[in-house]
């Protein structure tokens, strides 16, 4: 998965922050404006329908908040 991050042209992988049940989180820096972001990479393989619905809800919540 790390090699995939290196292929994304607009960010620089900065630091591994941690992981949870089905995701890894990295600190990344946008190359154009130097802003720092958290990039969550989610492994969807093997997730049950209920877990996918919970994930969808989490994504919707993150889209609505500014942090």
PDB file of N, CA and C in Angstrom:
ATOM      1  N   UNK A   1       0.823  -1.202   0.000  1.00  0.00           N
ATOM      2  CA  UNK A   1       0.000   0.000   0.000  1.00  0.00           C
ATOM      3  C   UNK A   1       0.860   1.255   0.000  1.00  0.00           C
ATOM      4  N   UNK A   2       2.001   1.217   0.635  1.00  0.00           N
ATOM      5  CA  UNK A   2       2.862   2.395   0.658  1.00  0.00           C
ATOM      6  C   UNK A   2       3.314   2.786  -0.740  1.00  0.00           C
ATOM      7  N   UNK A   3       3.595   1.822  -1.592  1.00  0.00           N
ATOM      8  CA  UNK A   3       4.019   2.165  -2.950  1.00  0.00           C
ATOM      9  C   UNK A   3       2.906   2.879  -3.694  1.00  0.00           C
ATOM     10  N   UNK A   4       1.652   2.561  -3.410  1.00  0.00           N
ATOM     11  CA  UNK A   4       0.534   3.260  -4.034  1.00  0.00           C
ATOM     12  C   UNK A   4       0.515   4.727  -3.629  1.00  0.00           C
ATOM     13  N   UNK A   5       0.840   4.996  -2.353  1.00  0.00           N
ATOM     14  CA  UNK A   5       0.880   6.382  -1.890  1.00  0.00           C
ATOM     15  C   UNK A   5       1.957   7.169  -2.633  1.00  0.00           C
ATOM     16  N   UNK A   6       3.084   6.541  -2.891  1.00  0.00           N
ATOM     17  CA  UNK A   6       4.180   7.224  -3.557  1.00  0.00           C
ATOM     18  C   UNK A   6       3.826   7.578  -4.989  1.00  0.00           C
ATOM     19  N   UNK A   7       2.885   6.875  -5.588  1.00  0.00           N
ATOM     20  CA  UNK A   7       2.490   7.135  -6.964  1.00  0.00           C
ATOM     21  C   UNK A   7       1.518   8.300  -7.087  1.00  0.00           C
ATOM     22  N   UNK A   8       0.911   8.725  -5.996  1.00  0.00           N
ATOM     23  CA  UNK A   8      -0.014   9.857  -6.049  1.00  0.00           C
ATOM     24  C   UNK A   8       0.805  11.126  -6.211  1.00  0.00           C
ATOM     25  N   UNK A   9       0.610  11.813  -7.317  1.00  0.00           N
ATOM     26  CA  UNK A   9       1.471  12.934  -7.687  1.00  0.00           C
ATOM     27  C   UNK A   9       1.330  14.172  -6.814  1.00  0.00           C
ATOM     28  N   UNK A  10       0.172  14.404  -6.232  1.00  0.00           N
ATOM     29  CA  UNK A  10      -0.048  15.680  -5.563  1.00  0.00           C
ATOM     30  C   UNK A  10       0.224  15.654  -4.065  1.00  0.00           C
ATOM     31  N   UNK A  11       0.661  14.535  -3.533  1.00  0.00           N
ATOM     32  CA  UNK A  11       0.970  14.505  -2.108  1.00  0.00           C
ATOM     33  C   UNK A  11       2.336  13.879  -1.869  1.00  0.00           C
ATOM     34  N   UNK A  12       2.928  14.238  -0.755  1.00  0.00           N
ATOM     35  CA  UNK A  12       4.132  13.576  -0.270  1.00  0.00           C
ATOM     36  C   UNK A  12       3.757  12.831   0.998  1.00  0.00           C
ATOM     37  N   UNK A  13       4.039  11.558   1.043  1.00  0.00           N
ATOM     38  CA  UNK A  13       3.801  10.760   2.245  1.00  0.00           C
ATOM     39  C   UNK A  13       4.772  11.252   3.303  1.00  0.00           C
ATOM     40  N   UNK A  14       4.255  11.625   4.448  1.00  0.00           N
ATOM     41  CA  UNK A  14       5.078  12.221   5.494  1.00  0.00           C
ATOM     42  C   UNK A  14       5.341  11.241   6.634  1.00  0.00           C
ATOM     43  N   UNK A  15       4.289  10.619   7.154  1.00  0.00           N
ATOM     44  CA  UNK A  15       4.450   9.803   8.347  1.00  0.00           C
ATOM     45  C   UNK A  15       3.279   8.839   8.503  1.00  0.00           C
ATOM     46  N   UNK A  16       3.567   7.620   8.938  1.00  0.00           N
ATOM     47  CA  UNK A  16       2.522   6.661   9.289  1.00  0.00           C
ATOM     48  C   UNK A  16       1.986   7.046  10.659  1.00  0.00           C
ATOM     49  N   UNK A  17       0.666   7.209  10.768  1.00  0.00           N
ATOM     50  CA  UNK A  17       0.076   7.629  12.036  1.00  0.00           C
ATOM     51  C   UNK A  17      -0.525   6.480  12.836  1.00  0.00           C
ATOM     52  N   UNK A  18      -1.054   5.472  12.135  1.00  0.00           N
ATOM     53  CA  UNK A  18      -1.646   4.369  12.874  1.00  0.00           C
ATOM     54  C   UNK A  18      -2.617   3.584  12.028  1.00  0.00           C
ATOM     55  N   UNK A  19      -3.324   2.670  12.696  1.00  0.00           N
ATOM     56  CA  UNK A  19      -4.290   1.849  11.991  1.00  0.00           C
ATOM     57  C   UNK A  19      -5.432   1.476  12.926  1.00  0.00           C
ATOM     58  N   UNK A  20      -6.502   1.059  12.294  1.00  0.00           N
ATOM     59  CA  UNK A  20      -7.672   0.598  13.037  1.00  0.00           C
ATOM     60  C   UNK A  20      -8.086  -0.758  12.502  1.00  0.00           C
ATOM     61  N   UNK A  21      -9.359  -1.069  12.655  1.00  0.00           N
ATOM     62  CA  UNK A  21      -9.857  -2.366  12.251  1.00  0.00           C
ATOM     63  C   UNK A  21      -9.709  -2.662  10.772  1.00  0.00           C
ATOM     64  N   UNK A  22      -9.945  -1.669   9.939  1.00  0.00           N
ATOM     65  CA  UNK A  22      -9.842  -1.898   8.500  1.00  0.00           C
ATOM     66  C   UNK A  22      -9.231  -0.729   7.759  1.00  0.00           C
ATOM     67  N   UNK A  23      -8.386   0.045   8.424  1.00  0.00           N
ATOM     68  CA  UNK A  23      -7.797   1.209   7.743  1.00  0.00           C
ATOM     69  C   UNK A  23      -6.411   1.524   8.309  1.00  0.00           C
ATOM     70  N   UNK A  24      -5.624   2.202   7.474  1.00  0.00           N
ATOM     71  CA  UNK A  24      -4.341   2.758   7.884  1.00  0.00           C
ATOM     72  C   UNK A  24      -4.433   4.264   7.671  1.00  0.00           C
ATOM     73  N   UNK A  25      -3.748   5.030   8.535  1.00  0.00           N
ATOM     74  CA  UNK A  25      -3.787   6.485   8.426  1.00  0.00           C
ATOM     75  C   UNK A  25      -2.360   7.009   8.289  1.00  0.00           C
ATOM     76  N   UNK A  26      -2.186   7.918   7.320  1.00  0.00           N
ATOM     77  CA  UNK A  26      -0.890   8.525   7.058  1.00  0.00           C
ATOM     78  C   UNK A  26      -1.026  10.038   7.104  1.00  0.00           C
ATOM     79  N   UNK A  27       0.021  10.708   7.577  1.00  0.00           N
ATOM     80  CA  UNK A  27       0.095  12.164   7.450  1.00  0.00           C
ATOM     81  C   UNK A  27       0.733  12.428   6.093  1.00  0.00           C
ATOM     82  N   UNK A  28       0.075  13.300   5.299  1.00  0.00           N
ATOM     83  CA  UNK A  28       0.578  13.626   3.967  1.00  0.00           C
ATOM     84  C   UNK A  28       0.633  15.137   3.809  1.00  0.00           C
ATOM     85  N   UNK A  29       1.456  15.577   2.877  1.00  0.00           N
ATOM     86  CA  UNK A  29       1.600  17.008   2.593  1.00  0.00           C
ATOM     87  C   UNK A  29       1.267  17.236   1.121  1.00  0.00           C
ATOM     88  N   UNK A  30       0.360  18.186   0.878  1.00  0.00           N
ATOM     89  CA  UNK A  30       0.004  18.547  -0.492  1.00  0.00           C
ATOM     90  C   UNK A  30       1.187  19.276  -1.120  1.00  0.00           C
ATOM     91  N   UNK A  31       1.610  18.846  -2.294  1.00  0.00           N
ATOM     92  CA  UNK A  31       2.812  19.417  -2.908  1.00  0.00           C
ATOM     93  C   UNK A  31       2.642  20.870  -3.340  1.00  0.00           C
ATOM     94  N   UNK A  32       1.445  21.278  -3.737  1.00  0.00           N
ATOM     95  CA  UNK A  32       1.266  22.638  -4.253  1.00  0.00           C
ATOM     96  C   UNK A  32       1.146  23.684  -3.163  1.00  0.00           C
ATOM     97  N   UNK A  33       0.411  23.369  -2.089  1.00  0.00           N
ATOM     98  CA  UNK A  33       0.190  24.395  -1.062  1.00  0.00           C
ATOM     99  C   UNK A  33       0.809  24.041   0.296  1.00  0.00           C
ATOM    100  N   UNK A  34       1.479  22.914   0.388  1.00  0.00           N
ATOM    101  CA  UNK A  34       2.164  22.450   1.602  1.00  0.00           C
ATOM    102  C   UNK A  34       1.234  22.192   2.786  1.00  0.00           C
ATOM    103  N   UNK A  35      -0.070  22.133   2.544  1.00  0.00           N
ATOM    104  CA  UNK A  35      -1.006  21.822   3.621  1.00  0.00           C
ATOM    105  C   UNK A  35      -0.794  20.387   4.081  1.00  0.00           C
ATOM    106  N   UNK A  36      -1.017  20.150   5.369  1.00  0.00           N
ATOM    107  CA  UNK A  36      -0.908  18.822   5.961  1.00  0.00           C
ATOM    108  C   UNK A  36      -2.311  18.233   6.083  1.00  0.00           C
ATOM    109  N   UNK A  37      -2.436  16.956   5.694  1.00  0.00           N
ATOM    110  CA  UNK A  37      -3.712  16.252   5.762  1.00  0.00           C
ATOM    111  C   UNK A  37      -3.489  14.867   6.348  1.00  0.00           C
ATOM    112  N   UNK A  38      -4.560  14.260   6.817  1.00  0.00           N
ATOM    113  CA  UNK A  38      -4.540  12.847   7.184  1.00  0.00           C
ATOM    114  C   UNK A  38      -5.188  12.091   6.032  1.00  0.00           C
ATOM    115  N   UNK A  39      -4.535  11.047   5.584  1.00  0.00           N
ATOM    116  CA  UNK A  39      -5.049  10.214   4.502  1.00  0.00           C
ATOM    117  C   UNK A  39      -5.367   8.851   5.085  1.00  0.00           C
ATOM    118  N   UNK A  40      -6.630   8.475   5.016  1.00  0.00           N
ATOM    119  CA  UNK A  40      -7.067   7.198   5.549  1.00  0.00           C
ATOM    120  C   UNK A  40      -7.250   6.233   4.384  1.00  0.00           C
ATOM    121  N   UNK A  41      -6.533   5.137   4.407  1.00  0.00           N
ATOM    122  CA  UNK A  41      -6.626   4.124   3.367  1.00  0.00           C
ATOM    123  C   UNK A  41      -7.400   2.946   3.942  1.00  0.00           C
ATOM    124  N   UNK A  42      -8.526   2.662   3.319  1.00  0.00           N
ATOM    125  CA  UNK A  42      -9.458   1.674   3.852  1.00  0.00           C
ATOM    126  C   UNK A  42      -9.401   0.404   3.018  1.00  0.00           C
ATOM    127  N   UNK A  43      -9.246  -0.728   3.692  1.00  0.00           N
ATOM    128  CA  UNK A  43      -9.274  -2.027   3.033  1.00  0.00           C
ATOM    129  C   UNK A  43     -10.720  -2.535   3.051  1.00  0.00           C
ATOM    130  N   UNK A  44     -11.334  -2.590   1.877  1.00  0.00           N
ATOM    131  CA  UNK A  44     -12.731  -3.003   1.781  1.00  0.00           C
ATOM    132  C   UNK A  44     -12.885  -4.513   1.649  1.00  0.00           C
ATOM    133  N   UNK A  45     -11.795  -5.216   1.420  1.00  0.00           N
ATOM    134  CA  UNK A  45     -11.862  -6.666   1.240  1.00  0.00           C
ATOM    135  C   UNK A  45     -12.375  -7.351   2.496  1.00  0.00           C
ATOM    136  N   UNK A  46     -13.377  -8.180   2.338  1.00  0.00           N
ATOM    137  CA  UNK A  46     -13.884  -8.981   3.444  1.00  0.00           C
ATOM    138  C   UNK A  46     -14.837  -8.266   4.386  1.00  0.00           C
ATOM    139  N   UNK A  47     -15.180  -6.996   4.110  1.00  0.00           N
ATOM    140  CA  UNK A  47     -16.113  -6.298   4.986  1.00  0.00           C
ATOM    141  C   UNK A  47     -17.534  -6.802   4.754  1.00  0.00           C
ATOM    142  N   UNK A  48     -18.265  -6.956   5.823  1.00  0.00           N
ATOM    143  CA  UNK A  48     -19.666  -7.368   5.740  1.00  0.00           C
ATOM    144  C   UNK A  48     -20.526  -6.155   5.410  1.00  0.00           C
ATOM    145  N   UNK A  49     -21.736  -6.416   4.976  1.00  0.00           N
ATOM    146  CA  UNK A  49     -22.660  -5.339   4.585  1.00  0.00           C
ATOM    147  C   UNK A  49     -22.830  -4.310   5.705  1.00  0.00           C
ATOM    148  N   UNK A  50     -22.990  -4.777   6.925  1.00  0.00           N
ATOM    149  CA  UNK A  50     -23.179  -3.867   8.060  1.00  0.00           C
ATOM    150  C   UNK A  50     -21.941  -2.984   8.252  1.00  0.00           C
ATOM    151  N   UNK A  51     -20.752  -3.551   8.075  1.00  0.00           N
ATOM    152  CA  UNK A  51     -19.517  -2.777   8.208  1.00  0.00           C
ATOM    153  C   UNK A  51     -19.400  -1.746   7.089  1.00  0.00           C
ATOM    154  N   UNK A  52     -19.812  -2.120   5.881  1.00  0.00           N
ATOM    155  CA  UNK A  52     -19.794  -1.165   4.765  1.00  0.00           C
ATOM    156  C   UNK A  52     -20.752  -0.007   5.016  1.00  0.00           C
ATOM    157  N   UNK A  53     -21.904  -0.293   5.588  1.00  0.00           N
ATOM    158  CA  UNK A  53     -22.864   0.770   5.905  1.00  0.00           C
ATOM    159  C   UNK A  53     -22.302   1.700   6.979  1.00  0.00           C
ATOM    160  N   UNK A  54     -21.635   1.143   7.990  1.00  0.00           N
ATOM    161  CA  UNK A  54     -21.019   1.969   9.034  1.00  0.00           C
ATOM    162  C   UNK A  54     -19.926   2.840   8.428  1.00  0.00           C
ATOM    163  N   UNK A  55     -19.163   2.276   7.517  1.00  0.00           N
ATOM    164  CA  UNK A  55     -18.116   3.029   6.833  1.00  0.00           C
ATOM    165  C   UNK A  55     -18.707   4.163   6.008  1.00  0.00           C
ATOM    166  N   UNK A  56     -19.782   3.885   5.304  1.00  0.00           N
ATOM    167  CA  UNK A  56     -20.460   4.921   4.516  1.00  0.00           C
ATOM    168  C   UNK A  56     -20.924   6.059   5.426  1.00  0.00           C
ATOM    169  N   UNK A  57     -21.475   5.721   6.580  1.00  0.00           N
ATOM    170  CA  UNK A  57     -21.912   6.748   7.538  1.00  0.00           C
ATOM    171  C   UNK A  57     -20.729   7.583   8.029  1.00  0.00           C
ATOM    172  N   UNK A  58     -19.612   6.933   8.297  1.00  0.00           N
ATOM    173  CA  UNK A  58     -18.415   7.651   8.746  1.00  0.00           C
ATOM    174  C   UNK A  58     -17.938   8.628   7.670  1.00  0.00           C
ATOM    175  N   UNK A  59     -17.936   8.185   6.427  1.00  0.00           N
ATOM    176  CA  UNK A  59     -17.517   9.049   5.315  1.00  0.00           C
ATOM    177  C   UNK A  59     -18.429  10.260   5.211  1.00  0.00           C
ATOM    178  N   UNK A  60     -19.737  10.042   5.321  1.00  0.00           N
ATOM    179  CA  UNK A  60     -20.684  11.150   5.243  1.00  0.00           C
ATOM    180  C   UNK A  60     -20.472  12.162   6.366  1.00  0.00           C
ATOM    181  N   UNK A  61     -20.189  11.676   7.565  1.00  0.00           N
ATOM    182  CA  UNK A  61     -19.930  12.558   8.710  1.00  0.00           C
ATOM    183  C   UNK A  61     -18.669  13.387   8.444  1.00  0.00           C
ATOM    184  N   UNK A  62     -17.611  12.754   7.974  1.00  0.00           N
ATOM    185  CA  UNK A  62     -16.359  13.470   7.702  1.00  0.00           C
ATOM    186  C   UNK A  62     -16.540  14.514   6.604  1.00  0.00           C
ATOM    187  N   UNK A  63     -17.412  14.252   5.651  1.00  0.00           N
ATOM    188  CA  UNK A  63     -17.648  15.219   4.580  1.00  0.00           C
ATOM    189  C   UNK A  63     -18.374  16.455   5.091  1.00  0.00           C
ATOM    190  N   UNK A  64     -19.117  16.314   6.172  1.00  0.00           N
ATOM    191  CA  UNK A  64     -19.916  17.419   6.685  1.00  0.00           C
ATOM    192  C   UNK A  64     -19.163  18.291   7.689  1.00  0.00           C
ATOM    193  N   UNK A  65     -18.086  17.800   8.254  1.00  0.00           N
ATOM    194  CA  UNK A  65     -17.387  18.579   9.277  1.00  0.00           C
ATOM    195  C   UNK A  65     -16.111  19.201   8.725  1.00  0.00           C
ATOM    196  N   UNK A  66     -15.694  20.253   9.359  1.00  0.00           N
ATOM    197  CA  UNK A  66     -14.448  20.911   8.985  1.00  0.00           C
ATOM    198  C   UNK A  66     -13.489  20.754  10.150  1.00  0.00           C
ATOM    199  N   UNK A  67     -12.351  20.084   9.896  1.00  0.00           N
ATOM    200  CA  UNK A  67     -11.386  19.881  10.975  1.00  0.00           C
ATOM    201  C   UNK A  67      -9.988  20.036  10.498  1.00  0.00           C
TER     202      UNK A  67
END
